Amino acid sequence: QVQLVTFGGGLVQPGGSLRLSCAVSGSTLKYYVIGWFCHAPGKERVGVSCTTSSDGSSDGRTYYVDDVKGRLTISGDNAKNTVYLQMNNLKPEDTAVYYCAARKGNYSFIPRTYAYWGQGTQITVSS
């Protein structure tokens, strides 16, 4: 059974930075697409970024929705079985609960296509 644990949320001022971590256990990271999703109050959960890991025969790839390009960077450490989301220049509208999730197959920003979910971590961007 794949399990994901999310770390790193908190309160940050506008323009600040945070790094989220998604620790994966129960399987090897390289077999999964890992996605990051945000769920803001009153809104649907949406994907923001995802990554496919290097599997030895091909390099990992990263994907971002347009709204976060240039501000968010997703990366993975296969040795630690952990995926990170570096978030820079945070805005009040980034306030949400952030989740990581895992799926097999192609990358996707659609939450219902992911089988395994972490517990979520709150990010609040406020002065």
Protein backbone atom coordinates (compact mmCIF):
# COMPACT_ATOMS: atom_id res chain seq x y z
CA GLN A 1 0.00 0.00 0.00
CA VAL A 2 1.42 3.36 -1.03
CA GLN A 3 1.38 6.02 1.67
CA LEU A 4 2.18 9.71 1.34
CA VAL A 5 2.96 12.18 4.11
CA THR A 6 3.03 15.90 3.44
CA PHE A 7 5.20 18.39 5.34
CA GLY A 8 6.05 22.04 5.22
CA GLY A 9 2.96 24.21 5.31
CA GLY A 10 2.56 27.28 7.46
CA LEU A 11 1.94 31.00 7.61
CA VAL A 12 3.95 33.18 5.26
CA GLN A 13 3.82 36.81 4.21
CA PRO A 14 3.04 37.78 0.60
CA GLY A 15 6.17 37.43 -1.49
CA GLY A 16 7.58 34.79 0.83
CA SER A 17 8.59 31.21 0.13
CA LEU A 18 7.86 27.74 1.44
CA ARG A 19 8.98 24.27 0.51
CA LEU A 20 6.56 21.38 0.78
CA SER A 21 7.74 17.80 1.04
CA CYS A 22 5.89 14.63 0.09
CA ALA A 23 7.44 11.50 1.56
CA VAL A 24 6.35 8.31 -0.19
CA SER A 25 6.47 4.86 1.42
CA GLY A 26 5.27 1.42 0.44
CA SER A 27 6.68 1.61 -3.05
CA THR A 28 9.42 3.15 -5.10
CA LEU A 29 8.94 6.70 -6.25
CA LYS A 30 10.03 5.95 -9.78
CA TYR A 31 6.90 3.93 -10.50
CA TYR A 32 4.53 6.82 -9.88
CA VAL A 33 3.50 10.22 -11.09
CA ILE A 34 3.41 12.53 -8.07
CA GLY A 35 1.10 15.50 -8.24
CA TRP A 36 0.54 18.52 -6.03
CA PHE A 37 -2.96 19.88 -5.60
CA CYS A 38 -4.43 22.84 -3.80
CA HIS A 39 -7.84 23.12 -2.23
CA ALA A 40 -8.88 26.65 -1.37
CA PRO A 41 -11.95 27.44 0.74
CA GLY A 42 -15.09 27.33 -1.36
CA LYS A 43 -13.29 26.03 -4.42
CA GLU A 44 -12.62 22.66 -5.98
CA ARG A 45 -9.36 20.84 -5.50
CA VAL A 46 -7.11 21.56 -8.48
CA GLY A 47 -3.75 20.36 -9.68
CA VAL A 48 -0.82 22.75 -9.72
CA SER A 49 2.19 20.60 -10.60
CA CYS A 50 3.27 17.03 -11.14
CA THR A 51 6.37 15.05 -11.92
CA THR A 52 7.35 11.74 -13.37
CA SER A 53 10.46 10.30 -11.85
CA SER A 54 13.55 9.12 -13.59
CA ASP A 55 13.38 5.36 -14.00
CA GLY A 56 16.85 4.82 -15.33
CA SER A 57 15.78 4.60 -18.96
CA SER A 58 14.41 8.13 -19.22
CA ASP A 59 14.67 11.37 -17.29
CA GLY A 60 11.90 12.56 -15.06
CA ARG A 61 9.69 15.34 -16.36
CA THR A 62 7.87 18.17 -14.64
CA TYR A 63 4.59 19.83 -15.44
CA TYR A 64 2.89 23.00 -14.20
CA VAL A 65 -0.41 24.72 -14.68
CA ASP A 66 -0.05 28.18 -16.22
CA ASP A 67 -0.98 30.07 -13.04
CA VAL A 68 2.08 28.84 -11.15
CA LYS A 69 4.75 28.75 -13.83
CA GLY A 70 7.80 30.69 -12.69
CA ARG A 71 6.80 30.58 -9.01
CA LEU A 72 6.62 26.87 -8.21
CA THR A 73 9.29 24.25 -8.78
CA ILE A 74 8.68 20.55 -8.34
CA SER A 75 11.58 18.19 -7.81
CA GLY A 76 12.15 14.64 -6.67
CA ASP A 77 14.81 12.76 -4.74
CA ASN A 78 14.59 9.08 -5.63
CA ALA A 79 17.08 8.15 -2.91
CA LYS A 80 14.82 9.70 -0.26
CA ASN A 81 11.59 8.71 -2.02
CA THR A 82 10.48 12.30 -1.57
CA VAL A 83 9.04 14.93 -3.88
CA TYR A 84 9.33 18.63 -3.09
CA LEU A 85 7.37 21.69 -4.13
CA GLN A 86 9.32 24.92 -3.79
CA MET A 87 6.89 27.83 -3.70
CA ASN A 88 8.23 31.34 -4.24
CA ASN A 89 6.62 34.76 -4.44
CA LEU A 90 3.56 33.47 -2.66
CA LYS A 91 0.32 35.42 -2.99
CA PRO A 92 -2.74 35.61 -0.74
CA GLU A 93 -4.68 33.68 -3.38
CA ASP A 94 -2.28 30.76 -2.87
CA THR A 95 -3.86 30.22 0.56
CA ALA A 96 -5.16 26.66 0.54
CA VAL A 97 -4.61 23.15 1.80
CA TYR A 98 -1.99 21.49 -0.37
CA TYR A 99 -1.97 17.77 -1.03
CA CYS A 100 0.38 15.44 -2.79
CA ALA A 101 -0.94 12.39 -4.55
CA ALA A 102 0.36 9.44 -6.55
CA ARG A 103 -0.84 7.65 -9.65
CA LYS A 104 0.56 5.30 -12.24
CA GLY A 105 0.55 6.13 -15.91
CA ASN A 106 0.76 9.51 -17.57
CA TYR A 107 0.84 12.85 -15.83
CA SER A 108 -2.50 14.40 -14.93
CA PHE A 109 -3.86 17.48 -13.17
CA ILE A 110 -7.21 15.81 -12.53
CA PRO A 111 -7.61 14.84 -8.84
CA ARG A 112 -9.94 11.88 -9.42
CA THR A 113 -7.29 10.15 -11.52
CA TYR A 114 -4.98 9.81 -8.49
CA ALA A 115 -5.28 6.72 -6.31
CA TYR A 116 -3.18 7.66 -3.29
CA TRP A 117 -3.26 10.87 -1.26
CA GLY A 118 -1.33 12.50 1.53
CA GLN A 119 -3.06 14.18 4.44
CA GLY A 120 -2.68 17.77 3.24
CA THR A 121 -0.89 20.75 4.72
CA GLN A 122 -2.25 24.27 5.19
CA ILE A 123 -0.55 27.26 3.58
CA THR A 124 -1.76 30.69 4.62
CA VAL A 125 -0.37 33.72 2.83
CA SER A 126 -1.15 36.84 4.80
CA SER A 127 0.51 39.95 6.15
